[in-house]
N, C-alpha and C. Protein backbone atom coordinates (compact mmCIF):
# COMPACT_ATOMS: atom_id res chain seq x y z
N UNK A 1 32.23 48.89 -20.60
CA UNK A 1 31.74 50.14 -20.05
C UNK A 1 31.15 50.98 -21.19
N UNK A 2 30.04 51.61 -20.90
CA UNK A 2 29.37 52.45 -21.91
C UNK A 2 30.08 53.78 -22.08
N UNK A 3 30.07 54.25 -23.32
CA UNK A 3 30.55 55.61 -23.57
C UNK A 3 29.40 56.56 -23.35
N UNK A 4 29.60 57.56 -22.56
CA UNK A 4 28.57 58.55 -22.30
C UNK A 4 28.84 59.77 -23.17
N UNK A 5 27.83 60.16 -23.92
CA UNK A 5 27.95 61.31 -24.80
C UNK A 5 27.44 62.53 -24.03
N UNK A 6 28.27 63.53 -23.94
CA UNK A 6 27.86 64.76 -23.27
C UNK A 6 27.53 65.80 -24.33
N UNK A 7 26.44 66.53 -24.08
CA UNK A 7 26.09 67.61 -25.00
C UNK A 7 26.14 68.92 -24.24
N UNK A 8 26.37 69.97 -24.98
CA UNK A 8 26.52 71.29 -24.36
C UNK A 8 25.17 71.87 -23.96
N UNK A 9 25.21 72.88 -23.12
CA UNK A 9 23.98 73.56 -22.72
C UNK A 9 23.32 74.20 -23.94
N UNK A 10 24.10 74.68 -24.88
CA UNK A 10 23.54 75.26 -26.11
C UNK A 10 22.74 74.21 -26.87
N UNK A 11 23.26 73.01 -26.97
CA UNK A 11 22.55 71.93 -27.66
C UNK A 11 21.26 71.57 -26.93
N UNK A 12 21.31 71.56 -25.62
CA UNK A 12 20.12 71.28 -24.82
C UNK A 12 19.07 72.37 -25.05
N UNK A 13 19.50 73.61 -25.07
CA UNK A 13 18.58 74.72 -25.29
C UNK A 13 17.98 74.69 -26.69
N UNK A 14 18.77 74.33 -27.69
CA UNK A 14 18.25 74.23 -29.05
C UNK A 14 17.21 73.10 -29.15
N UNK A 15 17.44 72.01 -28.46
CA UNK A 15 16.47 70.92 -28.43
C UNK A 15 15.18 71.39 -27.75
N UNK A 16 15.32 72.19 -26.70
CA UNK A 16 14.14 72.72 -26.01
C UNK A 16 13.35 73.65 -26.93
N UNK A 17 14.04 74.49 -27.67
CA UNK A 17 13.37 75.39 -28.61
C UNK A 17 12.60 74.57 -29.65
N UNK A 18 13.22 73.52 -30.16
CA UNK A 18 12.55 72.66 -31.13
C UNK A 18 11.30 72.04 -30.51
N UNK A 19 11.37 71.63 -29.26
CA UNK A 19 10.22 71.08 -28.56
C UNK A 19 9.12 72.12 -28.43
N UNK A 20 9.48 73.35 -28.10
CA UNK A 20 8.50 74.43 -28.00
C UNK A 20 7.78 74.64 -29.33
N UNK A 21 8.54 74.67 -30.39
CA UNK A 21 7.98 74.89 -31.73
C UNK A 21 7.05 73.73 -32.10
N UNK A 22 7.50 72.51 -31.90
CA UNK A 22 6.69 71.35 -32.27
C UNK A 22 5.42 71.25 -31.44
N UNK A 23 5.51 71.50 -30.14
CA UNK A 23 4.32 71.43 -29.28
C UNK A 23 3.32 72.53 -29.65
N UNK A 24 3.83 73.70 -29.97
CA UNK A 24 2.97 74.82 -30.37
C UNK A 24 2.29 74.50 -31.70
N UNK A 25 3.03 73.94 -32.63
CA UNK A 25 2.47 73.57 -33.93
C UNK A 25 1.36 72.55 -33.76
N UNK A 26 1.56 71.56 -32.89
CA UNK A 26 0.54 70.55 -32.64
C UNK A 26 -0.73 71.19 -32.08
N UNK A 27 -0.56 72.10 -31.13
CA UNK A 27 -1.70 72.75 -30.52
C UNK A 27 -2.46 73.62 -31.52
N UNK A 28 -1.72 74.27 -32.43
CA UNK A 28 -2.34 75.11 -33.46
C UNK A 28 -2.78 74.31 -34.68
N UNK A 29 -2.47 73.03 -34.68
CA UNK A 29 -2.80 72.15 -35.80
C UNK A 29 -2.23 72.69 -37.11
N UNK A 30 -0.95 73.03 -37.07
CA UNK A 30 -0.26 73.56 -38.24
C UNK A 30 1.15 72.97 -38.29
N UNK A 31 1.92 73.34 -39.28
CA UNK A 31 3.27 72.79 -39.42
C UNK A 31 4.27 73.50 -38.51
N UNK A 32 5.31 72.76 -38.15
CA UNK A 32 6.36 73.37 -37.34
C UNK A 32 7.08 74.47 -38.12
N UNK A 33 7.14 74.34 -39.45
CA UNK A 33 7.79 75.37 -40.27
C UNK A 33 7.04 76.70 -40.16
N UNK A 34 5.70 76.63 -40.19
CA UNK A 34 4.91 77.86 -40.07
C UNK A 34 5.09 78.49 -38.69
N UNK A 35 5.06 77.66 -37.65
CA UNK A 35 5.22 78.18 -36.29
C UNK A 35 6.60 78.78 -36.11
N UNK A 36 7.63 78.10 -36.62
CA UNK A 36 8.98 78.65 -36.52
C UNK A 36 9.05 80.03 -37.20
N UNK A 37 8.49 80.13 -38.38
CA UNK A 37 8.53 81.41 -39.11
C UNK A 37 7.78 82.49 -38.35
N UNK A 38 6.64 82.15 -37.80
CA UNK A 38 5.86 83.13 -37.02
C UNK A 38 6.64 83.57 -35.79
N UNK A 39 7.25 82.62 -35.09
CA UNK A 39 8.05 82.95 -33.90
C UNK A 39 9.24 83.82 -34.29
N UNK A 40 9.88 83.47 -35.38
CA UNK A 40 11.04 84.22 -35.85
C UNK A 40 10.63 85.66 -36.21
N UNK A 41 9.48 85.81 -36.86
CA UNK A 41 9.02 87.14 -37.29
C UNK A 41 8.80 88.10 -36.13
N UNK A 42 8.38 87.57 -34.98
CA UNK A 42 8.12 88.46 -33.83
C UNK A 42 9.25 88.42 -32.79
N UNK A 43 10.27 87.61 -33.03
CA UNK A 43 11.41 87.55 -32.11
C UNK A 43 11.14 86.74 -30.85
N UNK A 44 10.18 85.83 -30.91
CA UNK A 44 9.79 85.07 -29.73
C UNK A 44 10.91 84.17 -29.21
N UNK A 45 11.67 83.59 -30.09
CA UNK A 45 12.74 82.69 -29.65
C UNK A 45 13.83 83.49 -28.93
N UNK A 46 14.30 84.56 -29.55
CA UNK A 46 15.40 85.33 -28.97
C UNK A 46 14.99 86.16 -27.76
N UNK A 47 13.75 86.63 -27.76
CA UNK A 47 13.34 87.57 -26.71
C UNK A 47 12.41 86.99 -25.66
N UNK A 48 12.00 85.74 -25.82
CA UNK A 48 11.14 85.11 -24.82
C UNK A 48 11.65 83.74 -24.40
N UNK A 49 11.79 82.84 -25.36
CA UNK A 49 12.16 81.47 -25.00
C UNK A 49 13.57 81.41 -24.40
N UNK A 50 14.55 81.97 -25.09
CA UNK A 50 15.93 81.90 -24.58
C UNK A 50 16.11 82.62 -23.24
N UNK A 51 15.62 83.86 -23.10
CA UNK A 51 15.82 84.54 -21.81
C UNK A 51 15.08 83.87 -20.64
N UNK A 52 13.99 83.16 -20.94
CA UNK A 52 13.21 82.53 -19.88
C UNK A 52 13.36 81.01 -19.87
N UNK A 53 14.42 80.53 -20.46
CA UNK A 53 14.64 79.08 -20.57
C UNK A 53 14.56 78.37 -19.23
N UNK A 54 15.22 78.89 -18.22
CA UNK A 54 15.28 78.22 -16.91
C UNK A 54 13.88 78.00 -16.34
N UNK A 55 13.04 79.00 -16.43
CA UNK A 55 11.67 78.87 -15.90
C UNK A 55 10.81 78.00 -16.80
N UNK A 56 10.94 78.19 -18.11
CA UNK A 56 10.08 77.48 -19.05
C UNK A 56 10.33 75.97 -19.07
N UNK A 57 11.59 75.57 -19.01
CA UNK A 57 11.87 74.14 -19.19
C UNK A 57 11.40 73.28 -18.01
N UNK A 58 10.98 73.91 -16.94
CA UNK A 58 10.45 73.15 -15.81
C UNK A 58 8.94 72.92 -15.93
N UNK A 59 8.32 73.54 -16.95
CA UNK A 59 6.88 73.40 -17.16
C UNK A 59 6.56 72.15 -17.98
N UNK A 60 5.32 71.73 -17.94
CA UNK A 60 4.89 70.60 -18.76
C UNK A 60 4.83 71.05 -20.22
N UNK A 61 4.90 70.10 -21.11
CA UNK A 61 4.84 70.40 -22.54
C UNK A 61 3.52 71.09 -22.89
N UNK A 62 2.43 70.66 -22.25
CA UNK A 62 1.12 71.25 -22.51
C UNK A 62 1.08 72.72 -22.07
N UNK A 63 1.60 73.00 -20.88
CA UNK A 63 1.64 74.38 -20.40
C UNK A 63 2.52 75.26 -21.26
N UNK A 64 3.64 74.71 -21.69
CA UNK A 64 4.54 75.47 -22.56
C UNK A 64 3.83 75.82 -23.86
N UNK A 65 3.18 74.83 -24.48
CA UNK A 65 2.50 75.06 -25.75
C UNK A 65 1.40 76.10 -25.60
N UNK A 66 0.61 75.99 -24.55
CA UNK A 66 -0.46 76.97 -24.32
C UNK A 66 0.11 78.38 -24.13
N UNK A 67 1.19 78.48 -23.36
CA UNK A 67 1.83 79.77 -23.15
C UNK A 67 2.43 80.34 -24.43
N UNK A 68 3.01 79.46 -25.24
CA UNK A 68 3.61 79.91 -26.51
C UNK A 68 2.53 80.44 -27.45
N UNK A 69 1.39 79.74 -27.53
CA UNK A 69 0.30 80.18 -28.40
C UNK A 69 -0.19 81.55 -27.94
N UNK A 70 -0.41 81.69 -26.65
CA UNK A 70 -0.88 82.97 -26.11
C UNK A 70 0.12 84.09 -26.39
N UNK A 71 1.37 83.83 -26.13
CA UNK A 71 2.42 84.84 -26.34
C UNK A 71 2.56 85.16 -27.82
N UNK A 72 2.58 84.15 -28.67
CA UNK A 72 2.72 84.35 -30.10
C UNK A 72 1.60 85.22 -30.65
N UNK A 73 0.37 84.90 -30.29
CA UNK A 73 -0.76 85.70 -30.76
C UNK A 73 -0.71 87.11 -30.24
N UNK A 74 -0.30 87.27 -29.01
CA UNK A 74 -0.20 88.61 -28.42
C UNK A 74 0.87 89.43 -29.14
N UNK A 75 2.04 88.84 -29.35
CA UNK A 75 3.13 89.56 -30.01
C UNK A 75 2.80 89.86 -31.46
N UNK A 76 2.12 88.94 -32.13
CA UNK A 76 1.72 89.19 -33.52
C UNK A 76 0.69 90.33 -33.58
N UNK A 77 -0.15 90.43 -32.58
CA UNK A 77 -1.15 91.49 -32.53
C UNK A 77 -0.55 92.88 -32.34
N UNK A 78 0.66 92.92 -31.79
CA UNK A 78 1.33 94.20 -31.57
C UNK A 78 2.07 94.71 -32.79
N UNK A 79 2.25 93.83 -33.79
CA UNK A 79 2.99 94.24 -35.00
C UNK A 79 2.11 94.95 -35.96
């Protein structure tokens, strides 16, 4: 019988955040480190991705990346 590894919702959410960062970096043709820093600087992870996790994780990777780029640029423009 196989051992099934269970992961917590927090771990699932952290993996989703990593996916958001990586997909956004690919779309912007830049490094994930730069995108993470930009998101961190404007609070995108804490104030957008985490609170809207349930809605966001049902979207396609392409839609998520496009939305993240739009949101990131908008939030950076407000600073």
